[in-house]
């Protein structure tokens, strides 16, 4: 077993829950910035399956690091009392190594380093994997059809998939153009997408075929026109992972009457969907529920009541973090709450 330090993304609770679910293991310790796990040997490619992780470092003995004669290096320190820069410079001097320290190492610049060190408390870790934003940009810019207003981000899609801890068939009953399904097939899931809109069905199929052609995936996928309020026609699935319809596109300042109408419509939709999905779900559901900002208050419907009425329960992934987890941009009108149900 080895110890690994994970640098968490901006939504640290969500990033930490993703890791706990993905590895099915609790961290040794964590802060809002890092988490330390004891794991079997993991490769650098694992970061491609994670949405909430910026960097991964393997905890090592500093003396065991192999160095070149000339080195560009970076340091991410979470322990101001440990002068790792001084320790490294001492070794460089002793071994007559020419070195250049690169400051403020963002993920996009990390690939140009020969060595990057993370230090926290007494832990010193060598970075073995860094999130590569260009991979996300490539898919966002080159898939045949995009709808950035309705679609979730690739990052959030990966997190939701990992929260399901599923290794079977994954269903997205509000699939849209299929961003979540595309990320799932890249992670070797068999997927089913459902949507009520013909254009979305066509777009989702085109995007999944593009993924299959460009990434040589072997996973199966089906995209079906259908109503999520009667989703039991799909048959049994291992997990449901989805951002459902969150209401109409909102322009201008919101008022209470407008939001109440949206909430009432969504409550009926979600209630019917949850009742129907209970018949087909084998394991977990990961679902986003909206709340609407009206002035200084937030408005939403009683989703906890719908959970109870349909005999679901909220999962206890990690006792330190209570679900639902908020996923919110302070400037947006909608606050997303992420539930994991079983």
Foldseek 3Di string as FASTA:
>chain_A
DFKKKWFWAPQQLLQQLLVCLQQVHHFPDDDSTITMHDDDDDAQCVVLLALTTFWMWTWDDPVPDDDDQEFEEEEAEPDPVDPVVVVVVVVCVVVNHHYDYDYPDGLCNVVVGPWYWYDDDPTITTIRYGDDVVVQVCLQVPQPDDDVVPDDGLSVLSSLVSSQSDDEEEEEADQFLNSSVLSVQVVVYAYEYEHQDPVRLVNNVSRNVVSCVPVVGDHHYYYYYDQLLQPCVVAAGAEYGYEHDQFDDDDDADDDVVVVVRQVVVVVSVLSNLLNVLVHYDGKYKYKAKWFDHPPDTDHDDVVVSCVVNVKDFDCSDVVDDAQRWDDDPPDGIIITITMID
